[in-house]
C-alpha atoms as a PDB file:
ATOM      1  CA  MET A   1      -5.614  53.030 190.642  1.00  0.00           C
ATOM      2  CA  LYS A   2      -2.511  51.233 189.394  1.00  0.00           C
ATOM      3  CA  ALA A   3      -3.992  49.429 186.402  1.00  0.00           C
ATOM      4  CA  CYS A   4      -3.655  49.769 182.639  1.00  0.00           C
ATOM      5  CA  ALA A   5      -6.693  51.374 180.993  1.00  0.00           C
ATOM      6  CA  ILE A   6      -6.327  49.166 177.873  1.00  0.00           C
ATOM      7  CA  CYS A   7      -5.405  45.649 179.011  1.00  0.00           C
ATOM      8  CA  GLY A   8      -6.165  45.928 182.737  1.00  0.00           C
ATOM      9  CA  LYS A   9      -2.681  44.882 183.878  1.00  0.00           C
ATOM     10  CA  ARG A  10      -2.503  45.215 187.689  1.00  0.00           C
ATOM     11  CA  PRO A  11       0.069  44.744 190.451  1.00  0.00           C
ATOM     12  CA  VAL A  12       0.986  41.095 191.100  1.00  0.00           C
ATOM     13  CA  ILE A  13       1.947  39.731 194.514  1.00  0.00           C
ATOM     14  CA  GLY A  14       5.081  37.617 194.843  1.00  0.00           C
ATOM     15  CA  HIS A  15       7.793  36.699 197.329  1.00  0.00           C
ATOM     16  CA  SER A  16      11.283  37.977 198.021  1.00  0.00           C
ATOM     17  CA  LYS A  17      13.396  35.210 199.560  1.00  0.00           C
ATOM     18  CA  THR A  18      16.399  35.768 201.822  1.00  0.00           C
ATOM     19  CA  TYR A  19      19.118  33.099 201.810  1.00  0.00           C
ATOM     20  CA  ARG A  20      22.113  32.404 204.028  1.00  0.00           C
ATOM     21  CA  GLY A  21      24.927  29.892 203.933  1.00  0.00           C
ATOM     22  CA  MET A  22      27.726  29.018 201.535  1.00  0.00           C
ATOM     23  CA  LEU A  23      27.038  27.132 198.320  1.00  0.00           C
ATOM     24  CA  LYS A  24      27.898  23.421 198.272  1.00  0.00           C
ATOM     25  CA  LYS A  25      30.256  23.782 195.328  1.00  0.00           C
ATOM     26  CA  GLN A  26      32.156  26.440 197.279  1.00  0.00           C
ATOM     27  CA  GLY A  27      32.674  24.091 200.224  1.00  0.00           C
ATOM     28  CA  GLY A  28      29.624  24.893 202.347  1.00  0.00           C
ATOM     29  CA  VAL A  29      26.636  22.880 203.447  1.00  0.00           C
ATOM     30  CA  GLY A  30      24.237  24.625 201.036  1.00  0.00           C
ATOM     31  CA  ARG A  31      21.977  27.632 200.934  1.00  0.00           C
ATOM     32  CA  ARG A  32      19.081  27.888 203.402  1.00  0.00           C
ATOM     33  CA  THR A  33      15.974  30.018 203.044  1.00  0.00           C
ATOM     34  CA  VAL A  34      15.774  32.285 206.085  1.00  0.00           C
ATOM     35  CA  ARG A  35      12.559  34.179 205.381  1.00  0.00           C
ATOM     36  CA  THR A  36      10.128  35.065 202.612  1.00  0.00           C
ATOM     37  CA  ASN A  37       8.819  38.616 202.412  1.00  0.00           C
ATOM     38  CA  LEU A  38       5.719  39.590 200.497  1.00  0.00           C
ATOM     39  CA  ARG A  39       6.325  42.075 197.698  1.00  0.00           C
ATOM     40  CA  ARG A  40       4.415  43.630 194.799  1.00  0.00           C
ATOM     41  CA  PHE A  41       5.439  43.681 191.143  1.00  0.00           C
ATOM     42  CA  LEU A  42       4.002  46.919 189.741  1.00  0.00           C
ATOM     43  CA  PRO A  43       3.230  47.384 186.023  1.00  0.00           C
ATOM     44  CA  ASN A  44       5.172  50.056 184.148  1.00  0.00           C
ATOM     45  CA  LEU A  45       2.379  52.590 183.652  1.00  0.00           C
ATOM     46  CA  GLN A  46       2.770  55.841 181.739  1.00  0.00           C
ATOM     47  CA  SER A  47       0.159  58.556 181.415  1.00  0.00           C
ATOM     48  CA  ALA A  48      -0.773  59.155 177.786  1.00  0.00           C
ATOM     49  CA  THR A  49      -3.287  61.239 175.880  1.00  0.00           C
ATOM     50  CA  VAL A  50      -5.341  58.591 174.096  1.00  0.00           C
ATOM     51  CA  LEU A  51      -8.311  58.456 171.750  1.00  0.00           C
ATOM     52  CA  LEU A  52     -10.839  56.217 173.588  1.00  0.00           C
ATOM     53  CA  ASN A  53     -14.402  55.794 172.287  1.00  0.00           C
ATOM     54  CA  ASN A  54     -13.970  58.839 169.997  1.00  0.00           C
ATOM     55  CA  ARG A  55     -12.958  61.000 172.974  1.00  0.00           C
ATOM     56  CA  VAL A  56      -9.588  62.398 173.922  1.00  0.00           C
ATOM     57  CA  ARG A  57      -8.752  61.105 177.406  1.00  0.00           C
ATOM     58  CA  ARG A  58      -5.641  61.198 179.585  1.00  0.00           C
ATOM     59  CA  VAL A  59      -5.215  57.674 180.953  1.00  0.00           C
ATOM     60  CA  ARG A  60      -2.527  55.455 182.447  1.00  0.00           C
ATOM     61  CA  VAL A  61      -1.322  52.856 179.935  1.00  0.00           C
ATOM     62  CA  CYS A  62       1.292  50.114 180.368  1.00  0.00           C
ATOM     63  CA  THR A  63       4.358  50.265 178.157  1.00  0.00           C
ATOM     64  CA  ALA A  64       3.561  46.878 176.620  1.00  0.00           C
ATOM     65  CA  CYS A  65       0.350  48.333 175.132  1.00  0.00           C
ATOM     66  CA  LEU A  66       2.228  51.402 173.906  1.00  0.00           C
ATOM     67  CA  ARG A  67       4.875  49.284 172.163  1.00  0.00           C
ATOM     68  CA  MET A  68       2.380  46.873 170.592  1.00  0.00           C
ATOM     69  CA  GLY A  69       0.294  49.697 169.140  1.00  0.00           C
ATOM     70  CA  ARG A  70      -2.908  48.908 171.051  1.00  0.00           C
ATOM     71  CA  VAL A  71      -3.192  52.613 171.863  1.00  0.00           C
ATOM     72  CA  VAL A  72      -4.259  55.306 169.407  1.00  0.00           C
ATOM     73  CA  LYS A  73      -2.581  58.484 170.594  1.00  0.00           C
ATOM     74  CA  ALA A  74      -4.533  61.715 170.222  1.00  0.00           C
ATOM     75  CA  GLN A  75      -3.230  64.408 167.906  1.00  0.00           C
ATOM     76  CA  ARG A  76      -1.744  67.462 169.566  1.00  0.00           C
ATOM     77  CA  THR A  77      -3.498  70.742 168.876  1.00  0.00           C
ATOM     78  CA  PHE A  78      -1.541  73.954 169.056  1.00  0.00           C
ATOM     79  CA  VAL A  79      -3.218  77.289 169.720  1.00  0.00           C
ATOM     80  CA  HIS A  80      -1.647  80.030 167.631  1.00  0.00           C
ATOM     81  CA  GLN A  81      -1.457  83.323 169.499  1.00  0.00           C
ATOM     82  CA  SER A  82      -1.344  86.498 167.473  1.00  0.00           C
ATOM     83  CA  SER A  83       0.382  89.499 168.998  1.00  0.00           C
END
């Protein structure tokens, strides 16, 4: 699902308007709205390895939460291979 695991930010529905006509200050009769199309504004989600409830989980987090420090990233563990 397209939602942030921390703040719950989801897609928002809005409109995309299409105009025609010349502007009045350019000598026209003004801009007219021809149609309005429904569109979705999606949150900027990134998958991150996060420490949630003392467990390491891979979740989708919005970039606003990453920048604000609401997310505690899990430490990487490297497996050393001996040859």
